[in-house]
Amino acid sequence: MKKTLLFAFILLTFSSCALSGFTTKTPKSEISDVQRFIPVCDIDLLDKYDNGGHSDSLSELCRLSIDNVLARDKSIGLTGYITIKDTVVQNKVNNELRQLIDDGNLKQKAQYTYLPTVDSILKQNGKRFGLLVYHVGFERTKQNWGEIVFKSIAYYYGAYGASSYNEAFSKLTLIIYDAENKNLPFYHFSIKPDKKPTRVISQQLEGIIDRFWK
């Protein structure tokens, strides 16, 4: 849990320095027949003492919201939804995506990135492009947020400040993987501090699509 919170605050600090969008020489018009993978959502729920962890219910709500937005979209060129029945293979896909995002420096990795399991699945289906979405964030219980507000006020009056406290956090990353060139012709992320992931995820995804694809 501490790792999740630290990761969130680091992202907030450096997000303004990141570059994203269409990142390779592959023209937008060439990105077509895109296959979407099941979104990966890692949403935590923090209790009174900042204990807790991965929330299956919150993560599933966010996954369904992402799927609903993408199912309606006609601008990216989505033509298929890859479902993986083997949980071992699905976990490999999920972990490849998590590691790619968590390691950072997507600007450099965009020029060459090899996701072996994703790559293999696309080739087995005779496809070149795959869309992957990773959503990470946290929400707090009402009791937890009450404690945090109280502590923040105490710290403020004690000259400690409270700028590092967030009621919630939501980061969405969308990438397109090119199995032919082994790169990321597109990636972008959206960060919403102090916003509950379950309430803003659709807005975040639609914002990326509207900005770059419409």
Protein backbone atom coordinates (compact mmCIF):
# COMPACT_ATOMS: atom_id res chain seq x y z
CA MET A 1 0.00 0.00 0.00
CA LYS A 2 2.81 2.43 0.81
CA LYS A 3 4.28 1.66 -2.60
CA THR A 4 0.99 2.55 -4.29
CA LEU A 5 0.75 5.89 -2.48
CA LEU A 6 4.38 6.78 -3.15
CA PHE A 7 3.95 5.89 -6.81
CA ALA A 8 0.90 8.13 -7.03
CA PHE A 9 2.64 11.14 -5.52
CA ILE A 10 5.71 10.71 -7.73
CA LEU A 11 3.46 10.67 -10.76
CA LEU A 12 1.81 13.88 -9.66
CA THR A 13 5.18 15.56 -9.31
CA PHE A 14 6.58 14.64 -12.69
CA SER A 15 3.50 14.39 -14.88
CA SER A 16 3.96 17.87 -16.31
CA CYS A 17 7.35 16.86 -17.72
CA ALA A 18 6.07 13.86 -19.67
CA LEU A 19 5.55 13.82 -23.42
CA SER A 20 3.07 11.53 -25.08
CA GLY A 21 0.64 11.10 -27.96
CA PHE A 22 1.70 9.74 -31.34
CA THR A 23 5.30 8.85 -30.66
CA THR A 24 6.73 6.98 -33.66
CA LYS A 25 6.95 7.45 -37.42
CA THR A 26 3.83 5.32 -37.89
CA PRO A 27 1.16 7.73 -39.17
CA LYS A 28 -2.18 7.87 -37.43
CA SER A 29 -3.89 6.80 -40.65
CA GLU A 30 -1.94 3.54 -40.61
CA ILE A 31 -3.17 2.54 -37.15
CA SER A 32 -6.23 0.44 -37.92
CA ASP A 33 -7.79 -2.94 -37.23
CA VAL A 34 -6.85 -2.46 -33.57
CA GLN A 35 -7.55 -5.28 -31.12
CA ARG A 36 -8.34 -4.34 -27.55
CA PHE A 37 -7.26 -6.39 -24.58
CA ILE A 38 -9.06 -6.64 -21.25
CA PRO A 39 -8.26 -3.48 -19.23
CA VAL A 40 -6.03 -3.90 -16.20
CA CYS A 41 -7.38 -2.04 -13.16
CA ASP A 42 -5.56 -1.90 -9.81
CA ILE A 43 -7.73 0.16 -7.47
CA ASP A 44 -7.08 0.17 -3.72
CA LEU A 45 -9.46 1.00 -0.88
CA LEU A 46 -7.84 2.51 2.21
CA ASP A 47 -9.39 2.18 5.65
CA LYS A 48 -9.06 4.29 8.80
CA TYR A 49 -5.40 3.44 9.31
CA ASP A 50 -4.39 3.46 5.62
CA ASN A 51 -4.58 -0.31 5.70
CA GLY A 52 -6.36 -2.21 2.99
CA GLY A 53 -5.35 -3.08 -0.50
CA HIS A 54 -6.65 -4.14 -3.85
CA SER A 55 -10.42 -3.82 -4.14
CA ASP A 56 -11.90 -6.35 -6.53
CA SER A 57 -15.23 -4.55 -6.62
CA LEU A 58 -13.82 -1.07 -7.35
CA SER A 59 -11.41 -2.48 -9.91
CA GLU A 60 -14.21 -4.34 -11.67
CA LEU A 61 -16.40 -1.23 -11.77
CA CYS A 62 -13.59 0.69 -13.43
CA ARG A 63 -12.90 -2.13 -15.89
CA LEU A 64 -16.55 -2.21 -16.94
CA SER A 65 -16.57 1.57 -17.39
CA ILE A 66 -13.51 1.38 -19.63
CA ASP A 67 -15.03 -1.44 -21.67
CA ASN A 68 -18.27 0.51 -22.10
CA VAL A 69 -16.47 3.58 -23.44
CA LEU A 70 -14.32 1.57 -25.85
CA ALA A 71 -17.27 -0.51 -27.05
CA ARG A 72 -18.98 2.70 -28.19
CA ASP A 73 -15.92 4.29 -29.76
CA LYS A 74 -15.63 4.45 -33.55
CA SER A 75 -12.57 6.69 -33.88
CA ILE A 76 -9.61 4.53 -32.85
CA GLY A 77 -10.31 1.77 -35.34
CA LEU A 78 -11.11 -0.97 -32.85
CA THR A 79 -12.28 -4.11 -34.63
CA GLY A 80 -11.92 -6.88 -32.07
CA TYR A 81 -11.83 -7.76 -28.39
CA ILE A 82 -9.27 -10.37 -27.43
CA THR A 83 -10.51 -12.62 -24.64
CA ILE A 84 -8.03 -14.97 -23.01
CA LYS A 85 -9.48 -18.04 -21.32
CA ASP A 86 -6.19 -19.21 -19.84
CA THR A 87 -5.70 -17.28 -16.58
CA VAL A 88 -1.94 -17.93 -16.65
CA VAL A 89 -1.65 -16.25 -20.05
CA GLN A 90 -3.95 -13.40 -18.97
CA ASN A 91 -1.78 -12.80 -15.90
CA LYS A 92 1.29 -12.63 -18.15
CA VAL A 93 -0.39 -9.96 -20.27
CA ASN A 94 -1.40 -8.02 -17.16
CA ASN A 95 2.09 -8.19 -15.68
CA GLU A 96 3.76 -7.14 -18.92
CA LEU A 97 1.56 -4.06 -19.00
CA ARG A 98 2.09 -3.28 -15.30
CA GLN A 99 5.86 -3.55 -15.63
CA LEU A 100 5.92 -1.39 -18.75
CA ILE A 101 3.98 1.40 -17.03
CA ASP A 102 5.57 1.11 -13.60
CA ASP A 103 9.11 1.22 -15.02
CA GLY A 104 8.32 4.63 -16.51
CA ASN A 105 10.15 6.45 -19.32
CA LEU A 106 7.58 5.55 -21.95
CA LYS A 107 8.93 8.28 -24.21
CA GLN A 108 12.13 6.28 -24.71
CA LYS A 109 10.42 2.89 -24.67
CA ALA A 110 7.96 4.00 -27.34
CA GLN A 111 10.67 3.57 -29.96
CA TYR A 112 11.27 -0.06 -29.04
CA THR A 113 9.17 -2.16 -26.71
CA TYR A 114 8.71 -5.90 -26.80
CA LEU A 115 5.78 -7.39 -24.91
CA PRO A 116 6.27 -11.09 -25.64
CA THR A 117 2.86 -12.41 -24.58
CA VAL A 118 0.92 -9.53 -26.14
CA ASP A 119 3.04 -9.84 -29.27
CA SER A 120 2.41 -13.57 -29.54
CA ILE A 121 -1.35 -13.23 -29.10
CA LEU A 122 -1.61 -10.55 -31.78
CA LYS A 123 0.39 -12.64 -34.23
CA GLN A 124 -1.69 -15.74 -33.50
CA ASN A 125 -4.74 -13.70 -34.46
CA GLY A 126 -3.06 -12.27 -37.55
CA LYS A 127 -3.19 -8.74 -36.15
CA ARG A 128 -0.65 -5.96 -35.87
CA PHE A 129 -2.03 -3.44 -33.36
CA GLY A 130 -3.27 -4.00 -29.82
CA LEU A 131 -4.80 -1.48 -27.43
CA LEU A 132 -4.03 -1.87 -23.74
CA VAL A 133 -5.34 0.17 -20.83
CA TYR A 134 -3.89 0.33 -17.33
CA HIS A 135 -5.77 2.09 -14.53
CA VAL A 136 -4.28 2.58 -11.08
CA GLY A 137 -5.61 4.54 -8.14
CA PHE A 138 -7.16 4.55 -4.71
CA GLU A 139 -10.22 5.65 -2.80
CA ARG A 140 -10.67 6.11 0.93
CA THR A 141 -13.43 5.08 3.25
CA LYS A 142 -15.33 8.00 4.82
CA GLN A 143 -13.76 7.21 8.17
CA ASN A 144 -10.30 7.19 6.64
CA TRP A 145 -10.76 10.55 4.95
CA GLY A 146 -12.04 12.08 8.19
CA GLU A 147 -8.85 10.97 9.91
CA ILE A 148 -6.72 12.33 7.08
CA VAL A 149 -8.43 15.73 7.13
CA PHE A 150 -7.94 15.93 10.88
CA LYS A 151 -4.27 15.03 10.59
CA SER A 152 -3.77 17.44 7.69
CA ILE A 153 -5.21 20.32 9.71
CA ALA A 154 -3.02 19.37 12.65
CA TYR A 155 0.05 19.25 10.43
CA TYR A 156 -0.88 22.56 8.83
CA TYR A 157 -1.07 24.33 12.14
CA GLY A 158 2.08 22.54 13.22
CA ALA A 159 3.95 23.95 10.19
CA TYR A 160 4.11 20.54 8.51
CA GLY A 161 1.67 21.32 5.67
CA ALA A 162 -0.86 18.99 4.08
CA SER A 163 -0.07 19.20 0.40
CA SER A 164 0.86 15.54 0.15
CA TYR A 165 -2.58 14.29 1.17
CA ASN A 166 -5.08 13.22 -1.45
CA GLU A 167 -8.64 12.16 -0.88
CA ALA A 168 -8.39 9.86 -3.88
CA PHE A 169 -6.26 9.31 -6.96
CA SER A 170 -6.84 8.06 -10.49
CA LYS A 171 -4.32 7.50 -13.27
CA LEU A 172 -5.28 6.01 -16.63
CA THR A 173 -2.72 5.01 -19.25
CA LEU A 174 -3.70 4.01 -22.78
CA ILE A 175 -1.16 2.51 -25.18
CA ILE A 176 -1.22 0.96 -28.62
CA TYR A 177 1.31 -1.78 -29.24
CA ASP A 178 2.68 -2.49 -32.73
CA ALA A 179 3.60 -6.18 -33.08
CA GLU A 180 5.23 -5.57 -36.46
CA ASN A 181 7.63 -2.81 -35.43
CA LYS A 182 7.88 -3.69 -31.72
CA ASN A 183 7.05 -0.19 -30.52
CA LEU A 184 4.31 2.02 -29.12
CA PRO A 185 2.93 4.26 -31.89
CA PHE A 186 0.63 5.84 -29.32
CA TYR A 187 0.49 6.33 -25.57
CA HIS A 188 -1.04 8.89 -23.28
CA PHE A 189 -2.10 9.13 -19.66
CA SER A 190 -4.55 11.12 -17.58
CA ILE A 191 -4.10 11.92 -13.89
CA LYS A 192 -6.91 13.03 -11.58
CA PRO A 193 -5.78 13.76 -8.00
CA ASP A 194 -8.50 13.95 -5.37
CA LYS A 195 -10.97 12.27 -7.72
CA LYS A 196 -12.43 8.83 -7.09
CA PRO A 197 -11.41 6.43 -9.86
CA THR A 198 -14.91 5.00 -10.15
CA ARG A 199 -16.33 8.47 -10.80
CA VAL A 200 -13.82 9.88 -13.29
CA ILE A 201 -12.51 6.92 -15.28
CA SER A 202 -14.97 7.33 -18.16
CA GLN A 203 -14.19 11.05 -18.33
CA GLN A 204 -10.45 10.35 -18.38
CA LEU A 205 -10.68 7.83 -21.20
CA GLU A 206 -13.08 9.93 -23.26
CA GLY A 207 -10.76 12.91 -22.80
CA ILE A 208 -7.82 11.02 -24.31
CA ILE A 209 -9.91 9.78 -27.22
CA ASP A 210 -11.39 13.21 -27.94
CA ARG A 211 -8.01 14.91 -27.82
CA PHE A 212 -6.07 12.59 -30.10
CA TRP A 213 -8.52 10.59 -32.19
CA LYS A 214 -11.41 12.88 -33.08
